[in-house]
N, C-alpha and C. Protein backbone atom coordinates (compact mmCIF):
# COMPACT_ATOMS: atom_id res chain seq x y z
N MET A 1 66.38 25.57 17.90
CA MET A 1 66.39 24.15 17.72
C MET A 1 65.10 23.75 17.01
N SER A 2 65.23 22.99 15.95
CA SER A 2 64.08 22.51 15.20
C SER A 2 63.83 21.05 15.54
N LEU A 3 62.57 20.72 15.66
CA LEU A 3 62.17 19.35 15.90
C LEU A 3 61.44 18.83 14.68
N TYR A 4 61.61 17.54 14.41
CA TYR A 4 60.96 16.91 13.28
C TYR A 4 60.13 15.73 13.78
N GLN A 5 58.95 15.58 13.18
CA GLN A 5 58.05 14.52 13.58
C GLN A 5 57.84 13.56 12.41
N PHE A 6 57.96 12.29 12.68
CA PHE A 6 57.61 11.24 11.74
C PHE A 6 56.31 10.64 12.26
N PHE A 7 55.27 10.64 11.43
CA PHE A 7 53.98 10.11 11.87
C PHE A 7 53.36 9.29 10.75
N CYS A 8 52.91 8.10 11.07
CA CYS A 8 52.25 7.22 10.12
C CYS A 8 50.74 7.32 10.32
N ASP A 9 50.02 7.73 9.27
CA ASP A 9 48.57 7.84 9.36
C ASP A 9 47.89 6.47 9.43
N GLN A 10 48.55 5.47 8.91
CA GLN A 10 47.97 4.14 8.83
C GLN A 10 47.94 3.45 10.20
N CYS A 11 49.07 3.42 10.88
CA CYS A 11 49.15 2.66 12.15
C CYS A 11 49.41 3.55 13.37
N CYS A 12 49.51 4.86 13.18
CA CYS A 12 49.72 5.84 14.25
C CYS A 12 51.09 5.72 14.93
N TRP A 13 52.08 5.21 14.21
CA TRP A 13 53.45 5.19 14.74
C TRP A 13 53.98 6.62 14.71
N LYS A 14 54.73 7.00 15.73
CA LYS A 14 55.18 8.39 15.84
C LYS A 14 56.58 8.45 16.44
N ARG A 15 57.40 9.37 15.90
CA ARG A 15 58.73 9.63 16.46
C ARG A 15 59.01 11.12 16.31
N ILE A 16 59.52 11.73 17.38
CA ILE A 16 59.94 13.13 17.35
C ILE A 16 61.43 13.16 17.58
N THR A 17 62.15 13.87 16.71
CA THR A 17 63.60 13.89 16.79
C THR A 17 64.12 15.25 16.34
N GLU A 18 65.39 15.52 16.65
CA GLU A 18 66.02 16.78 16.22
C GLU A 18 66.61 16.68 14.82
N ASN A 19 66.88 15.47 14.36
CA ASN A 19 67.53 15.27 13.08
C ASN A 19 66.54 14.67 12.08
N PRO A 20 66.30 15.32 10.92
CA PRO A 20 65.36 14.74 9.96
C PRO A 20 65.94 13.54 9.22
N GLU A 21 67.25 13.37 9.26
CA GLU A 21 67.89 12.22 8.60
C GLU A 21 67.92 11.06 9.59
N GLN A 22 67.17 10.03 9.31
CA GLN A 22 67.11 8.87 10.20
C GLN A 22 67.82 7.69 9.57
N GLN A 23 68.78 7.13 10.29
CA GLN A 23 69.57 6.02 9.77
C GLN A 23 68.83 4.69 9.87
N ASP A 24 67.95 4.54 10.85
CA ASP A 24 67.29 3.26 11.03
C ASP A 24 66.04 3.09 10.16
N LEU A 25 65.55 4.16 9.53
CA LEU A 25 64.39 4.06 8.65
C LEU A 25 64.83 3.80 7.21
N VAL A 26 64.02 3.05 6.48
CA VAL A 26 64.32 2.73 5.09
C VAL A 26 63.88 3.89 4.20
N ILE A 27 64.81 4.44 3.41
CA ILE A 27 64.50 5.56 2.52
C ILE A 27 63.86 5.01 1.25
N VAL A 28 62.74 5.62 0.85
CA VAL A 28 62.06 5.25 -0.39
C VAL A 28 62.55 6.21 -1.46
N LEU A 29 63.17 5.68 -2.50
CA LEU A 29 63.69 6.51 -3.57
C LEU A 29 62.55 6.95 -4.48
N THR A 30 62.55 8.23 -4.82
CA THR A 30 61.53 8.77 -5.73
C THR A 30 62.24 9.52 -6.85
N SER A 31 61.64 9.46 -8.01
CA SER A 31 62.22 10.20 -9.14
C SER A 31 61.71 11.63 -9.10
N PRO A 32 62.49 12.59 -9.63
CA PRO A 32 62.04 13.98 -9.63
C PRO A 32 60.82 14.16 -10.53
N VAL A 33 59.93 15.06 -10.14
CA VAL A 33 58.71 15.32 -10.89
C VAL A 33 58.95 16.52 -11.81
N PRO A 34 58.68 16.39 -13.13
CA PRO A 34 58.88 17.53 -14.03
C PRO A 34 57.90 18.66 -13.74
N LYS A 35 58.37 19.90 -13.82
CA LYS A 35 57.53 21.06 -13.54
C LYS A 35 56.68 21.45 -14.75
N GLY A 36 57.17 21.21 -15.93
CA GLY A 36 56.43 21.58 -17.13
C GLY A 36 56.85 20.71 -18.30
N ILE A 37 56.22 20.96 -19.44
CA ILE A 37 56.56 20.16 -20.62
C ILE A 37 57.75 20.79 -21.33
N PRO A 38 58.58 19.98 -21.97
CA PRO A 38 59.69 20.55 -22.74
C PRO A 38 59.15 21.33 -23.95
N HIS A 39 59.85 22.39 -24.33
CA HIS A 39 59.43 23.16 -25.51
C HIS A 39 60.65 23.49 -26.37
N LEU A 40 60.40 23.82 -27.62
CA LEU A 40 61.45 24.09 -28.59
C LEU A 40 61.78 25.57 -28.60
N ASP A 41 63.08 25.89 -28.47
CA ASP A 41 63.53 27.28 -28.54
C ASP A 41 63.54 27.69 -30.02
N PRO A 42 62.78 28.74 -30.41
CA PRO A 42 62.69 29.11 -31.83
C PRO A 42 64.00 29.63 -32.41
N VAL A 43 64.88 30.20 -31.60
CA VAL A 43 66.13 30.78 -32.10
C VAL A 43 67.19 29.69 -32.30
N ASP A 44 67.44 28.90 -31.25
CA ASP A 44 68.51 27.89 -31.30
C ASP A 44 68.04 26.54 -31.85
N LYS A 45 66.73 26.34 -31.96
CA LYS A 45 66.16 25.07 -32.40
C LYS A 45 66.57 23.92 -31.47
N LYS A 46 66.66 24.24 -30.15
CA LYS A 46 67.00 23.24 -29.15
C LYS A 46 65.81 23.04 -28.22
N ILE A 47 65.74 21.86 -27.65
CA ILE A 47 64.67 21.56 -26.71
C ILE A 47 65.08 22.05 -25.32
N ILE A 48 64.20 22.83 -24.72
CA ILE A 48 64.45 23.37 -23.38
C ILE A 48 63.54 22.64 -22.39
N THR A 49 64.13 22.07 -21.37
CA THR A 49 63.36 21.41 -20.32
C THR A 49 63.54 22.18 -19.01
N GLN A 50 62.47 22.30 -18.26
CA GLN A 50 62.54 22.99 -16.98
C GLN A 50 63.15 22.07 -15.93
N LYS A 51 63.70 22.67 -14.90
CA LYS A 51 64.28 21.87 -13.82
C LYS A 51 63.16 21.13 -13.10
N PRO A 52 63.40 19.89 -12.73
CA PRO A 52 62.35 19.11 -12.06
C PRO A 52 62.16 19.55 -10.60
N LYS A 53 60.99 19.28 -10.09
CA LYS A 53 60.68 19.56 -8.69
C LYS A 53 61.27 18.44 -7.83
N ILE A 54 62.05 18.83 -6.85
CA ILE A 54 62.68 17.84 -5.97
C ILE A 54 61.75 17.58 -4.79
N LEU A 55 61.42 16.34 -4.58
CA LEU A 55 60.51 15.96 -3.50
C LEU A 55 61.28 15.76 -2.20
N SER A 56 60.57 15.91 -1.10
CA SER A 56 61.19 15.66 0.20
C SER A 56 61.47 14.17 0.37
N LYS A 57 62.41 13.85 1.24
CA LYS A 57 62.76 12.45 1.48
C LYS A 57 61.58 11.73 2.11
N ARG A 58 61.37 10.51 1.65
CA ARG A 58 60.28 9.70 2.17
C ARG A 58 60.86 8.42 2.75
N TYR A 59 60.20 7.95 3.79
CA TYR A 59 60.67 6.76 4.51
C TYR A 59 59.53 5.76 4.63
N LYS A 60 59.89 4.52 4.91
CA LYS A 60 58.90 3.49 5.19
C LYS A 60 58.66 3.46 6.69
N CYS A 61 57.40 3.31 7.05
CA CYS A 61 57.06 3.16 8.46
C CYS A 61 57.63 1.83 8.95
N PRO A 62 58.34 1.83 10.09
CA PRO A 62 58.93 0.57 10.56
C PRO A 62 57.89 -0.45 11.03
N ARG A 63 56.68 0.01 11.31
CA ARG A 63 55.67 -0.92 11.80
C ARG A 63 54.81 -1.52 10.67
N CYS A 64 54.36 -0.66 9.71
CA CYS A 64 53.43 -1.18 8.70
C CYS A 64 53.94 -1.03 7.27
N GLY A 65 54.99 -0.24 7.02
CA GLY A 65 55.53 -0.09 5.68
C GLY A 65 54.91 1.03 4.88
N TYR A 66 53.98 1.78 5.45
CA TYR A 66 53.34 2.91 4.80
C TYR A 66 54.38 4.03 4.60
N ILE A 67 54.24 4.83 3.55
CA ILE A 67 55.20 5.90 3.27
C ILE A 67 54.95 7.08 4.21
N ILE A 68 56.01 7.54 4.88
CA ILE A 68 55.93 8.70 5.78
C ILE A 68 57.04 9.67 5.42
N LYS A 69 56.91 10.92 5.88
CA LYS A 69 57.98 11.89 5.68
C LYS A 69 58.10 12.77 6.92
N ALA A 70 59.24 13.42 7.04
CA ALA A 70 59.52 14.25 8.21
C ALA A 70 58.74 15.56 8.10
N LYS A 71 58.12 15.96 9.19
CA LYS A 71 57.38 17.21 9.24
C LYS A 71 58.01 18.08 10.32
N LYS A 72 58.40 19.30 9.94
CA LYS A 72 59.03 20.20 10.90
C LYS A 72 57.96 20.75 11.84
N ILE A 73 58.22 20.66 13.14
CA ILE A 73 57.28 21.18 14.13
C ILE A 73 57.96 22.24 14.97
N ASP A 74 57.17 23.11 15.55
CA ASP A 74 57.69 24.16 16.40
C ASP A 74 58.18 23.57 17.72
N ASP A 75 59.21 24.21 18.27
CA ASP A 75 59.74 23.79 19.55
C ASP A 75 58.69 24.12 20.63
N PRO A 76 58.26 23.16 21.41
CA PRO A 76 57.23 23.44 22.42
C PRO A 76 57.71 24.39 23.51
N GLN A 77 59.01 24.50 23.72
CA GLN A 77 59.54 25.38 24.75
C GLN A 77 59.85 26.78 24.23
N GLU A 78 59.64 27.03 22.93
CA GLU A 78 60.01 28.31 22.33
C GLU A 78 59.27 29.48 22.98
N GLU A 79 57.95 29.33 23.21
CA GLU A 79 57.19 30.41 23.84
C GLU A 79 57.69 30.69 25.25
N VAL A 80 58.00 29.64 25.99
CA VAL A 80 58.49 29.80 27.36
C VAL A 80 59.84 30.53 27.35
N LYS A 81 60.72 30.13 26.41
CA LYS A 81 62.03 30.77 26.30
C LYS A 81 61.90 32.24 25.94
N GLN A 82 61.01 32.56 25.01
CA GLN A 82 60.81 33.95 24.61
C GLN A 82 60.25 34.77 25.77
N LYS A 83 59.32 34.20 26.52
CA LYS A 83 58.73 34.92 27.65
C LYS A 83 59.79 35.19 28.73
N MET A 84 60.63 34.17 29.02
CA MET A 84 61.67 34.35 30.01
C MET A 84 62.70 35.39 29.55
N ASP A 85 63.03 35.38 28.26
CA ASP A 85 63.97 36.34 27.71
C ASP A 85 63.41 37.76 27.82
N MET A 86 62.12 37.93 27.53
CA MET A 86 61.48 39.23 27.63
C MET A 86 61.47 39.72 29.09
N GLU A 87 61.21 38.81 30.03
CA GLU A 87 61.22 39.19 31.44
C GLU A 87 62.61 39.63 31.89
N ARG A 88 63.65 38.94 31.40
CA ARG A 88 65.03 39.34 31.73
C ARG A 88 65.34 40.72 31.20
N ARG A 89 64.93 40.99 29.95
CA ARG A 89 65.18 42.32 29.37
C ARG A 89 64.47 43.41 30.16
N ILE A 90 63.22 43.14 30.56
CA ILE A 90 62.47 44.13 31.34
C ILE A 90 63.15 44.35 32.69
N GLN A 91 63.61 43.26 33.33
CA GLN A 91 64.28 43.39 34.62
C GLN A 91 65.57 44.20 34.49
N LYS A 92 66.34 43.97 33.43
CA LYS A 92 67.57 44.75 33.22
C LYS A 92 67.25 46.21 33.00
N ARG A 93 66.20 46.47 32.23
CA ARG A 93 65.81 47.86 31.97
C ARG A 93 65.40 48.56 33.27
N VAL A 94 64.65 47.85 34.12
CA VAL A 94 64.23 48.42 35.39
C VAL A 94 65.45 48.70 36.28
N GLU A 95 66.39 47.77 36.30
CA GLU A 95 67.61 47.97 37.10
C GLU A 95 68.42 49.15 36.59
N ASN A 96 68.56 49.26 35.28
CA ASN A 96 69.30 50.39 34.70
C ASN A 96 68.61 51.71 35.00
N ASP A 97 67.28 51.74 34.91
CA ASP A 97 66.54 52.97 35.23
C ASP A 97 66.71 53.34 36.70
N GLU A 98 66.71 52.34 37.57
CA GLU A 98 66.89 52.59 39.00
C GLU A 98 68.29 53.14 39.28
N LYS A 99 69.31 52.58 38.63
CA LYS A 99 70.67 53.10 38.79
C LYS A 99 70.77 54.54 38.31
N GLU A 100 70.13 54.81 37.19
CA GLU A 100 70.17 56.18 36.64
C GLU A 100 69.48 57.16 37.60
N ARG A 101 68.35 56.76 38.20
CA ARG A 101 67.67 57.62 39.17
C ARG A 101 68.54 57.87 40.40
N MET A 102 69.24 56.83 40.85
CA MET A 102 70.12 56.99 42.01
C MET A 102 71.26 57.96 41.70
N LYS A 103 71.81 57.87 40.49
CA LYS A 103 72.87 58.80 40.09
C LYS A 103 72.36 60.24 40.05
N GLN A 104 71.14 60.43 39.54
CA GLN A 104 70.57 61.78 39.50
C GLN A 104 70.33 62.32 40.90
N ILE A 105 69.87 61.47 41.80
CA ILE A 105 69.64 61.91 43.19
C ILE A 105 70.97 62.30 43.84
N GLU A 106 72.03 61.51 43.60
CA GLU A 106 73.34 61.83 44.16
C GLU A 106 73.86 63.15 43.61
N ARG A 107 73.66 63.40 42.32
CA ARG A 107 74.10 64.68 41.74
C ARG A 107 73.35 65.85 42.36
N GLN A 108 72.06 65.67 42.58
CA GLN A 108 71.28 66.75 43.18
C GLN A 108 71.68 67.00 44.63
N GLN A 109 72.06 65.95 45.35
CA GLN A 109 72.46 66.11 46.73
C GLN A 109 73.81 66.79 46.86
N LYS A 110 74.66 66.69 45.82
CA LYS A 110 75.97 67.31 45.86
C LYS A 110 75.89 68.83 45.71
N LYS A 111 74.81 69.31 45.15
CA LYS A 111 74.68 70.76 44.95
C LYS A 111 74.36 71.44 46.28
N ILE A 112 74.99 72.57 46.51
CA ILE A 112 74.77 73.33 47.75
C ILE A 112 74.02 74.61 47.41
N HIS A 113 72.99 74.89 48.17
CA HIS A 113 72.22 76.10 47.93
C HIS A 113 72.85 77.25 48.73
N ARG A 114 73.14 78.35 48.06
CA ARG A 114 73.66 79.54 48.75
C ARG A 114 72.49 80.36 49.29
N SER A 115 72.79 81.25 50.13
CA SER A 115 71.77 82.09 50.71
C SER A 115 71.11 83.03 49.71
N ASP A 116 71.85 83.39 48.62
CA ASP A 116 71.26 84.27 47.60
C ASP A 116 70.46 83.49 46.55
N GLY A 117 70.35 82.15 46.68
CA GLY A 117 69.53 81.36 45.77
C GLY A 117 70.31 80.71 44.63
N SER A 118 71.59 81.05 44.43
CA SER A 118 72.36 80.42 43.36
C SER A 118 72.87 79.06 43.84
N GLN A 119 73.14 78.19 42.86
CA GLN A 119 73.61 76.84 43.21
C GLN A 119 75.04 76.67 42.77
N THR A 120 75.81 75.98 43.58
CA THR A 120 77.19 75.65 43.20
C THR A 120 77.40 74.16 43.42
N SER A 121 78.37 73.64 42.74
CA SER A 121 78.67 72.23 42.85
C SER A 121 79.93 72.05 43.67
N LEU A 122 80.06 70.94 44.37
CA LEU A 122 81.24 70.68 45.18
C LEU A 122 82.41 70.21 44.34
N GLU A 123 82.18 69.89 43.09
CA GLU A 123 83.24 69.35 42.24
C GLU A 123 84.31 70.33 41.97
């Protein structure tokens, strides 16, 4: 789960949400910024323009009107979730190892020692 923060540096208005698209905020339209200057292709004699850089969506602050944009932030519970997941995996591994040891002990107990030192199985 990704969280997005809207923060205004001017008036310190702040909102944290899961969706970067906000319906109640006013979107400020921006034109694309050109990446480079157009140049002439020597073979075709046509003008080649590079694709423009697309800017992130910008919004007006509802309190002061300053331009703000959504900033992706890390989930604060992500570390806790990862730690709990790791503990579960370790616990499962310990349980599986314990079951395997119990099976080995049962197999060893099934073997009968003969008086001449050879071992036979009851199976």
